[in-house]
């Protein structure tokens, strides 16, 4: 009795099939085969579940990567748009700067031209009317006779290079205008400027009185006297 109780129970799977002639055929599948099949089925189920889990994880990772890529693309698009706006702004600034530089250069050229023009001794050497005659002897000179109260003035901007005594007229003032031009004013009055002074056009050099109504006016180019009539503007 004890030996019978120690025996393990075994099971088998019985398959019954019925053929067309109503014959019944039985197939007995041993427990070992059933166990093997059960294990295989279990492994297949586990494999399928693992496959689903792996696929789910892969899909989640792929979804996260797609989201990250979309965020990256959005950020790059925003950066590109910002760079495009910045580039347009910089291009506009470059255009404005170029125009400003061109305008500044044009203004500087105009100022330079105006400065040169103002420096040329083309003006009339007196603040009022006067009689004029050309001196034909010696160096070219214009001789003016003016009324009292008229001022002898500079004919262009420049620097006083000399205030000296003059044998004929009493005092000689030389103004250097640059570019090789100088103007010479000879009068018996009191000089109102000193050597080294920078003068504008129309600056007073002498005031005409009873004793100094005559003015000798000359122009030099590169240290040589030239005919003042070639450059002077008689109309002032």
C-alpha atoms as a PDB file:
ATOM      1  CA  UNK A   1       0.000   0.000   0.000  1.00  0.00           C
ATOM      2  CA  UNK A   2       2.823   2.388   0.852  1.00  0.00           C
ATOM      3  CA  UNK A   3       4.512   1.638  -2.445  1.00  0.00           C
ATOM      4  CA  UNK A   4       1.364   2.526  -4.341  1.00  0.00           C
ATOM      5  CA  UNK A   5       1.015   5.855  -2.498  1.00  0.00           C
ATOM      6  CA  UNK A   6       4.557   6.874  -3.462  1.00  0.00           C
ATOM      7  CA  UNK A   7       3.885   6.516  -7.148  1.00  0.00           C
ATOM      8  CA  UNK A   8       3.446   9.759  -9.066  1.00  0.00           C
ATOM      9  CA  UNK A   9       0.310  10.374 -10.970  1.00  0.00           C
ATOM     10  CA  UNK A  10       0.852  10.603 -14.703  1.00  0.00           C
ATOM     11  CA  UNK A  11      -1.463  12.127 -17.224  1.00  0.00           C
ATOM     12  CA  UNK A  12      -1.857  11.849 -20.935  1.00  0.00           C
ATOM     13  CA  UNK A  13      -3.721  13.729 -23.609  1.00  0.00           C
ATOM     14  CA  UNK A  14      -6.230  11.709 -25.595  1.00  0.00           C
ATOM     15  CA  UNK A  15      -7.217  12.984 -29.007  1.00  0.00           C
ATOM     16  CA  UNK A  16     -10.241  11.447 -30.666  1.00  0.00           C
ATOM     17  CA  UNK A  17     -10.862  11.844 -34.383  1.00  0.00           C
ATOM     18  CA  UNK A  18     -13.831  10.579 -36.373  1.00  0.00           C
ATOM     19  CA  UNK A  19     -13.395   9.675 -39.971  1.00  0.00           C
ATOM     20  CA  UNK A  20     -15.998   9.801 -42.720  1.00  0.00           C
ATOM     21  CA  UNK A  21     -16.918   6.140 -42.192  1.00  0.00           C
ATOM     22  CA  UNK A  22     -17.719   6.926 -38.555  1.00  0.00           C
ATOM     23  CA  UNK A  23     -14.687   5.088 -37.397  1.00  0.00           C
ATOM     24  CA  UNK A  24     -13.247   6.673 -34.317  1.00  0.00           C
ATOM     25  CA  UNK A  25      -9.519   6.846 -33.946  1.00  0.00           C
ATOM     26  CA  UNK A  26      -7.865   7.612 -30.681  1.00  0.00           C
ATOM     27  CA  UNK A  27      -4.467   9.256 -30.309  1.00  0.00           C
ATOM     28  CA  UNK A  28      -2.787   9.175 -26.993  1.00  0.00           C
ATOM     29  CA  UNK A  29      -0.251  11.898 -26.348  1.00  0.00           C
ATOM     30  CA  UNK A  30       1.988  11.222 -23.448  1.00  0.00           C
ATOM     31  CA  UNK A  31       2.467  13.681 -20.610  1.00  0.00           C
ATOM     32  CA  UNK A  32       6.050  14.292 -21.655  1.00  0.00           C
ATOM     33  CA  UNK A  33       5.010  15.551 -25.031  1.00  0.00           C
ATOM     34  CA  UNK A  34       2.290  17.620 -23.448  1.00  0.00           C
ATOM     35  CA  UNK A  35       4.790  19.126 -21.058  1.00  0.00           C
ATOM     36  CA  UNK A  36       7.188  19.856 -23.891  1.00  0.00           C
ATOM     37  CA  UNK A  37       4.401  21.455 -25.895  1.00  0.00           C
ATOM     38  CA  UNK A  38       3.303  23.428 -22.859  1.00  0.00           C
ATOM     39  CA  UNK A  39       6.858  24.674 -22.341  1.00  0.00           C
ATOM     40  CA  UNK A  40       7.156  25.572 -26.012  1.00  0.00           C
ATOM     41  CA  UNK A  41       3.818  27.360 -25.894  1.00  0.00           C
ATOM     42  CA  UNK A  42       4.869  29.197 -22.787  1.00  0.00           C
ATOM     43  CA  UNK A  43       8.124  30.235 -24.447  1.00  0.00           C
ATOM     44  CA  UNK A  44       6.253  31.395 -27.538  1.00  0.00           C
ATOM     45  CA  UNK A  45       3.844  33.415 -25.364  1.00  0.00           C
ATOM     46  CA  UNK A  46       6.773  34.893 -23.427  1.00  0.00           C
ATOM     47  CA  UNK A  47       8.581  35.647 -26.677  1.00  0.00           C
ATOM     48  CA  UNK A  48       5.472  37.329 -28.112  1.00  0.00           C
ATOM     49  CA  UNK A  49       4.998  39.352 -24.933  1.00  0.00           C
ATOM     50  CA  UNK A  50       8.682  40.334 -24.907  1.00  0.00           C
ATOM     51  CA  UNK A  51       8.382  41.230 -28.574  1.00  0.00           C
ATOM     52  CA  UNK A  52       5.392  43.447 -27.834  1.00  0.00           C
ATOM     53  CA  UNK A  53       7.213  45.046 -24.895  1.00  0.00           C
ATOM     54  CA  UNK A  54      10.359  45.602 -26.980  1.00  0.00           C
ATOM     55  CA  UNK A  55       8.286  46.971 -29.839  1.00  0.00           C
ATOM     56  CA  UNK A  56       6.452  49.276 -27.433  1.00  0.00           C
ATOM     57  CA  UNK A  57       9.742  50.520 -25.951  1.00  0.00           C
ATOM     58  CA  UNK A  58      11.205  50.964 -29.436  1.00  0.00           C
ATOM     59  CA  UNK A  59       8.144  52.892 -30.550  1.00  0.00           C
ATOM     60  CA  UNK A  60       8.305  55.093 -27.443  1.00  0.00           C
ATOM     61  CA  UNK A  61      12.003  55.786 -28.066  1.00  0.00           C
ATOM     62  CA  UNK A  62      11.291  56.482 -31.725  1.00  0.00           C
ATOM     63  CA  UNK A  63       8.440  58.778 -30.718  1.00  0.00           C
ATOM     64  CA  UNK A  64      10.725  60.628 -28.293  1.00  0.00           C
ATOM     65  CA  UNK A  65      13.418  60.954 -30.961  1.00  0.00           C
ATOM     66  CA  UNK A  66      10.846  62.268 -33.438  1.00  0.00           C
ATOM     67  CA  UNK A  67       9.628  64.789 -30.847  1.00  0.00           C
ATOM     68  CA  UNK A  68      13.223  65.841 -30.103  1.00  0.00           C
ATOM     69  CA  UNK A  69      13.955  66.160 -33.823  1.00  0.00           C
ATOM     70  CA  UNK A  70      10.811  68.213 -34.316  1.00  0.00           C
ATOM     71  CA  UNK A  71      11.847  70.481 -31.428  1.00  0.00           C
ATOM     72  CA  UNK A  72      15.336  70.756 -32.948  1.00  0.00           C
ATOM     73  CA  UNK A  73      13.882  71.553 -36.368  1.00  0.00           C
ATOM     74  CA  UNK A  74      11.599  74.173 -34.803  1.00  0.00           C
ATOM     75  CA  UNK A  75      14.507  75.738 -32.929  1.00  0.00           C
ATOM     76  CA  UNK A  76      16.675  75.729 -36.045  1.00  0.00           C
ATOM     77  CA  UNK A  77      13.818  77.267 -38.026  1.00  0.00           C
ATOM     78  CA  UNK A  78      13.414  79.990 -35.404  1.00  0.00           C
ATOM     79  CA  UNK A  79      17.177  80.593 -35.365  1.00  0.00           C
ATOM     80  CA  UNK A  80      17.225  80.740 -39.158  1.00  0.00           C
ATOM     81  CA  UNK A  81      14.400  83.264 -39.170  1.00  0.00           C
ATOM     82  CA  UNK A  82      16.169  85.300 -36.483  1.00  0.00           C
ATOM     83  CA  UNK A  83      19.403  85.174 -38.496  1.00  0.00           C
ATOM     84  CA  UNK A  84      17.514  86.218 -41.621  1.00  0.00           C
ATOM     85  CA  UNK A  85      16.043  89.195 -39.763  1.00  0.00           C
ATOM     86  CA  UNK A  86      19.462  90.035 -38.303  1.00  0.00           C
ATOM     87  CA  UNK A  87      21.035  89.718 -41.746  1.00  0.00           C
ATOM     88  CA  UNK A  88      18.402  92.019 -43.228  1.00  0.00           C
ATOM     89  CA  UNK A  89      19.013  94.495 -40.389  1.00  0.00           C
ATOM     90  CA  UNK A  90      22.771  94.329 -40.898  1.00  0.00           C
ATOM     91  CA  UNK A  91      22.333  94.757 -44.651  1.00  0.00           C
ATOM     92  CA  UNK A  92      20.173  97.801 -43.996  1.00  0.00           C
ATOM     93  CA  UNK A  93      22.765  99.185 -41.594  1.00  0.00           C
ATOM     94  CA  UNK A  94      25.536  98.535 -44.120  1.00  0.00           C
ATOM     95  CA  UNK A  95      23.524 100.354 -46.771  1.00  0.00           C
ATOM     96  CA  UNK A  96      22.896 103.290 -44.437  1.00  0.00           C
ATOM     97  CA  UNK A  97      26.551 103.302 -43.367  1.00  0.00           C
ATOM     98  CA  UNK A  98      27.685 103.196 -46.988  1.00  0.00           C
ATOM     99  CA  UNK A  99      25.376 106.066 -47.848  1.00  0.00           C
ATOM    100  CA  UNK A 100      26.597 107.964 -44.772  1.00  0.00           C
ATOM    101  CA  UNK A 101      30.231 107.385 -45.718  1.00  0.00           C
ATOM    102  CA  UNK A 102      29.533 108.454 -49.296  1.00  0.00           C
ATOM    103  CA  UNK A 103      27.666 111.521 -48.075  1.00  0.00           C
ATOM    104  CA  UNK A 104      30.445 112.317 -45.617  1.00  0.00           C
ATOM    105  CA  UNK A 105      33.055 111.944 -48.352  1.00  0.00           C
ATOM    106  CA  UNK A 106      31.005 114.181 -50.636  1.00  0.00           C
ATOM    107  CA  UNK A 107      30.602 116.733 -47.832  1.00  0.00           C
ATOM    108  CA  UNK A 108      34.315 116.580 -47.074  1.00  0.00           C
ATOM    109  CA  UNK A 109      35.095 117.068 -50.752  1.00  0.00           C
ATOM    110  CA  UNK A 110      32.675 119.988 -50.864  1.00  0.00           C
ATOM    111  CA  UNK A 111      34.166 121.464 -47.687  1.00  0.00           C
ATOM    112  CA  UNK A 112      37.675 120.917 -49.006  1.00  0.00           C
ATOM    113  CA  UNK A 113      36.742 122.555 -52.293  1.00  0.00           C
ATOM    114  CA  UNK A 114      35.062 125.428 -50.445  1.00  0.00           C
ATOM    115  CA  UNK A 115      38.110 125.788 -48.197  1.00  0.00           C
ATOM    116  CA  UNK A 116      40.415 125.976 -51.197  1.00  0.00           C
ATOM    117  CA  UNK A 117      38.096 128.444 -52.901  1.00  0.00           C
ATOM    118  CA  UNK A 118      37.894 130.644 -49.804  1.00  0.00           C
ATOM    119  CA  UNK A 119      41.677 130.580 -49.477  1.00  0.00           C
ATOM    120  CA  UNK A 120      42.288 131.816 -53.022  1.00  0.00           C
ATOM    121  CA  UNK A 121      42.979 135.587 -52.936  1.00  0.00           C
ATOM    122  CA  UNK A 122      40.170 136.396 -55.370  1.00  0.00           C
ATOM    123  CA  UNK A 123      38.307 138.924 -53.250  1.00  0.00           C
ATOM    124  CA  UNK A 124      38.374 142.712 -53.445  1.00  0.00           C
ATOM    125  CA  UNK A 125      40.983 144.117 -50.988  1.00  0.00           C
ATOM    126  CA  UNK A 126      38.780 147.012 -49.768  1.00  0.00           C
ATOM    127  CA  UNK A 127      35.482 147.119 -47.907  1.00  0.00           C
ATOM    128  CA  UNK A 128      34.220 150.033 -49.985  1.00  0.00           C
ATOM    129  CA  UNK A 129      34.559 151.596 -53.412  1.00  0.00           C
ATOM    130  CA  UNK A 130      37.853 152.991 -54.647  1.00  0.00           C
ATOM    131  CA  UNK A 131      39.624 154.089 -57.779  1.00  0.00           C
ATOM    132  CA  UNK A 132      42.087 151.624 -59.279  1.00  0.00           C
ATOM    133  CA  UNK A 133      45.025 151.761 -61.620  1.00  0.00           C
ATOM    134  CA  UNK A 134      47.570 149.188 -62.747  1.00  0.00           C
ATOM    135  CA  UNK A 135      51.221 149.908 -62.003  1.00  0.00           C
ATOM    136  CA  UNK A 136      53.232 149.019 -65.093  1.00  0.00           C
ATOM    137  CA  UNK A 137      56.709 149.539 -63.635  1.00  0.00           C
ATOM    138  CA  UNK A 138      58.382 146.833 -61.524  1.00  0.00           C
ATOM    139  CA  UNK A 139      56.408 143.902 -60.183  1.00  0.00           C
ATOM    140  CA  UNK A 140      52.712 143.636 -61.156  1.00  0.00           C
ATOM    141  CA  UNK A 141      50.596 145.719 -58.767  1.00  0.00           C
ATOM    142  CA  UNK A 142      47.163 147.305 -58.454  1.00  0.00           C
ATOM    143  CA  UNK A 143      47.051 150.747 -56.867  1.00  0.00           C
ATOM    144  CA  UNK A 144      43.817 151.738 -55.086  1.00  0.00           C
ATOM    145  CA  UNK A 145      42.751 155.088 -53.704  1.00  0.00           C
ATOM    146  CA  UNK A 146      39.917 154.919 -51.181  1.00  0.00           C
ATOM    147  CA  UNK A 147      38.007 157.345 -48.982  1.00  0.00           C
ATOM    148  CA  UNK A 148      38.430 157.641 -45.229  1.00  0.00           C
ATOM    149  CA  UNK A 149      36.703 154.973 -43.183  1.00  0.00           C
ATOM    150  CA  UNK A 150      37.131 152.246 -45.804  1.00  0.00           C
ATOM    151  CA  UNK A 151      38.989 149.174 -44.550  1.00  0.00           C
ATOM    152  CA  UNK A 152      41.742 147.211 -46.228  1.00  0.00           C
ATOM    153  CA  UNK A 153      40.650 143.566 -45.914  1.00  0.00           C
ATOM    154  CA  UNK A 154      42.011 140.112 -46.695  1.00  0.00           C
ATOM    155  CA  UNK A 155      41.043 138.747 -50.103  1.00  0.00           C
ATOM    156  CA  UNK A 156      41.017 135.117 -48.859  1.00  0.00           C
ATOM    157  CA  UNK A 157      41.536 133.044 -45.751  1.00  0.00           C
ATOM    158  CA  UNK A 158      45.139 132.610 -44.654  1.00  0.00           C
ATOM    159  CA  UNK A 159      47.896 133.211 -42.129  1.00  0.00           C
ATOM    160  CA  UNK A 160      49.873 136.430 -41.668  1.00  0.00           C
ATOM    161  CA  UNK A 161      53.402 135.486 -42.717  1.00  0.00           C
ATOM    162  CA  UNK A 162      54.987 138.960 -42.406  1.00  0.00           C
ATOM    163  CA  UNK A 163      54.330 142.497 -41.140  1.00  0.00           C
ATOM    164  CA  UNK A 164      57.253 144.631 -42.324  1.00  0.00           C
ATOM    165  CA  UNK A 165      58.166 148.208 -43.084  1.00  0.00           C
ATOM    166  CA  UNK A 166      57.778 149.339 -46.695  1.00  0.00           C
ATOM    167  CA  UNK A 167      59.931 152.100 -48.210  1.00  0.00           C
ATOM    168  CA  UNK A 168      57.176 153.492 -50.437  1.00  0.00           C
ATOM    169  CA  UNK A 169      53.910 152.799 -48.594  1.00  0.00           C
ATOM    170  CA  UNK A 170      55.074 152.603 -44.982  1.00  0.00           C
ATOM    171  CA  UNK A 171      53.856 149.114 -43.967  1.00  0.00           C
ATOM    172  CA  UNK A 172      53.628 145.797 -45.799  1.00  0.00           C
ATOM    173  CA  UNK A 173      51.463 142.863 -44.727  1.00  0.00           C
ATOM    174  CA  UNK A 174      51.884 139.465 -46.401  1.00  0.00           C
ATOM    175  CA  UNK A 175      49.153 136.824 -46.015  1.00  0.00           C
ATOM    176  CA  UNK A 176      49.890 133.194 -46.921  1.00  0.00           C
ATOM    177  CA  UNK A 177      46.786 131.523 -48.433  1.00  0.00           C
ATOM    178  CA  UNK A 178      48.294 128.088 -49.027  1.00  0.00           C
ATOM    179  CA  UNK A 179      48.677 126.236 -52.340  1.00  0.00           C
ATOM    180  CA  UNK A 180      51.544 128.605 -53.186  1.00  0.00           C
ATOM    181  CA  UNK A 181      49.403 131.798 -53.074  1.00  0.00           C
ATOM    182  CA  UNK A 182      50.190 134.905 -51.030  1.00  0.00           C
ATOM    183  CA  UNK A 183      48.664 138.386 -51.077  1.00  0.00           C
ATOM    184  CA  UNK A 184      50.624 141.571 -50.314  1.00  0.00           C
ATOM    185  CA  UNK A 185      49.029 144.750 -48.892  1.00  0.00           C
ATOM    186  CA  UNK A 186      51.094 147.968 -48.853  1.00  0.00           C
ATOM    187  CA  UNK A 187      49.664 150.942 -46.916  1.00  0.00           C
ATOM    188  CA  UNK A 188      50.847 153.780 -44.694  1.00  0.00           C
ATOM    189  CA  UNK A 189      48.364 152.987 -41.935  1.00  0.00           C
ATOM    190  CA  UNK A 190      48.759 151.073 -38.689  1.00  0.00           C
ATOM    191  CA  UNK A 191      48.744 147.306 -39.136  1.00  0.00           C
ATOM    192  CA  UNK A 192      45.882 145.722 -37.202  1.00  0.00           C
ATOM    193  CA  UNK A 193      47.289 142.168 -37.311  1.00  0.00           C
ATOM    194  CA  UNK A 194      50.440 140.381 -36.179  1.00  0.00           C
ATOM    195  CA  UNK A 195      52.633 137.730 -37.721  1.00  0.00           C
ATOM    196  CA  UNK A 196      51.259 134.239 -37.220  1.00  0.00           C
ATOM    197  CA  UNK A 197      47.594 135.225 -36.952  1.00  0.00           C
ATOM    198  CA  UNK A 198      45.104 133.079 -38.847  1.00  0.00           C
ATOM    199  CA  UNK A 199      42.629 135.269 -40.667  1.00  0.00           C
ATOM    200  CA  UNK A 200      39.331 134.700 -42.388  1.00  0.00           C
ATOM    201  CA  UNK A 201      38.305 136.238 -45.650  1.00  0.00           C
ATOM    202  CA  UNK A 202      37.378 139.945 -45.230  1.00  0.00           C
ATOM    203  CA  UNK A 203      39.462 140.421 -42.064  1.00  0.00           C
ATOM    204  CA  UNK A 204      40.551 144.061 -41.506  1.00  0.00           C
ATOM    205  CA  UNK A 205      44.263 144.772 -42.027  1.00  0.00           C
ATOM    206  CA  UNK A 206      44.274 148.606 -42.175  1.00  0.00           C
ATOM    207  CA  UNK A 207      41.717 151.371 -41.774  1.00  0.00           C
ATOM    208  CA  UNK A 208      41.947 154.150 -44.394  1.00  0.00           C
ATOM    209  CA  UNK A 209      42.493 157.661 -42.987  1.00  0.00           C
ATOM    210  CA  UNK A 210      43.690 161.032 -44.303  1.00  0.00           C
ATOM    211  CA  UNK A 211      47.334 159.940 -44.441  1.00  0.00           C
ATOM    212  CA  UNK A 212      46.925 156.439 -45.894  1.00  0.00           C
ATOM    213  CA  UNK A 213      44.354 156.569 -48.658  1.00  0.00           C
ATOM    214  CA  UNK A 214      46.538 154.605 -51.104  1.00  0.00           C
ATOM    215  CA  UNK A 215      46.846 150.846 -51.144  1.00  0.00           C
ATOM    216  CA  UNK A 216      49.317 148.818 -53.198  1.00  0.00           C
ATOM    217  CA  UNK A 217      47.961 145.313 -53.737  1.00  0.00           C
ATOM    218  CA  UNK A 218      49.901 142.351 -55.157  1.00  0.00           C
ATOM    219  CA  UNK A 219      49.541 138.600 -55.520  1.00  0.00           C
ATOM    220  CA  UNK A 220      52.323 136.014 -55.514  1.00  0.00           C
ATOM    221  CA  UNK A 221      52.225 132.436 -56.781  1.00  0.00           C
ATOM    222  CA  UNK A 222      55.105 130.179 -55.719  1.00  0.00           C
ATOM    223  CA  UNK A 223      57.118 133.183 -54.543  1.00  0.00           C
ATOM    224  CA  UNK A 224      56.720 135.028 -57.860  1.00  0.00           C
ATOM    225  CA  UNK A 225      54.509 138.049 -58.457  1.00  0.00           C
ATOM    226  CA  UNK A 226      51.654 137.550 -60.920  1.00  0.00           C
ATOM    227  CA  UNK A 227      49.199 139.992 -62.444  1.00  0.00           C
ATOM    228  CA  UNK A 228      46.428 140.465 -59.812  1.00  0.00           C
ATOM    229  CA  UNK A 229      43.906 141.063 -62.612  1.00  0.00           C
ATOM    230  CA  UNK A 230      44.182 137.352 -63.549  1.00  0.00           C
ATOM    231  CA  UNK A 231      42.544 136.304 -60.280  1.00  0.00           C
ATOM    232  CA  UNK A 232      40.946 139.259 -58.499  1.00  0.00           C
ATOM    233  CA  UNK A 233      37.170 139.668 -58.411  1.00  0.00           C
ATOM    234  CA  UNK A 234      36.655 143.363 -58.985  1.00  0.00           C
ATOM    235  CA  UNK A 235      33.013 143.129 -57.966  1.00  0.00           C
ATOM    236  CA  UNK A 236      34.108 142.044 -54.474  1.00  0.00           C
END
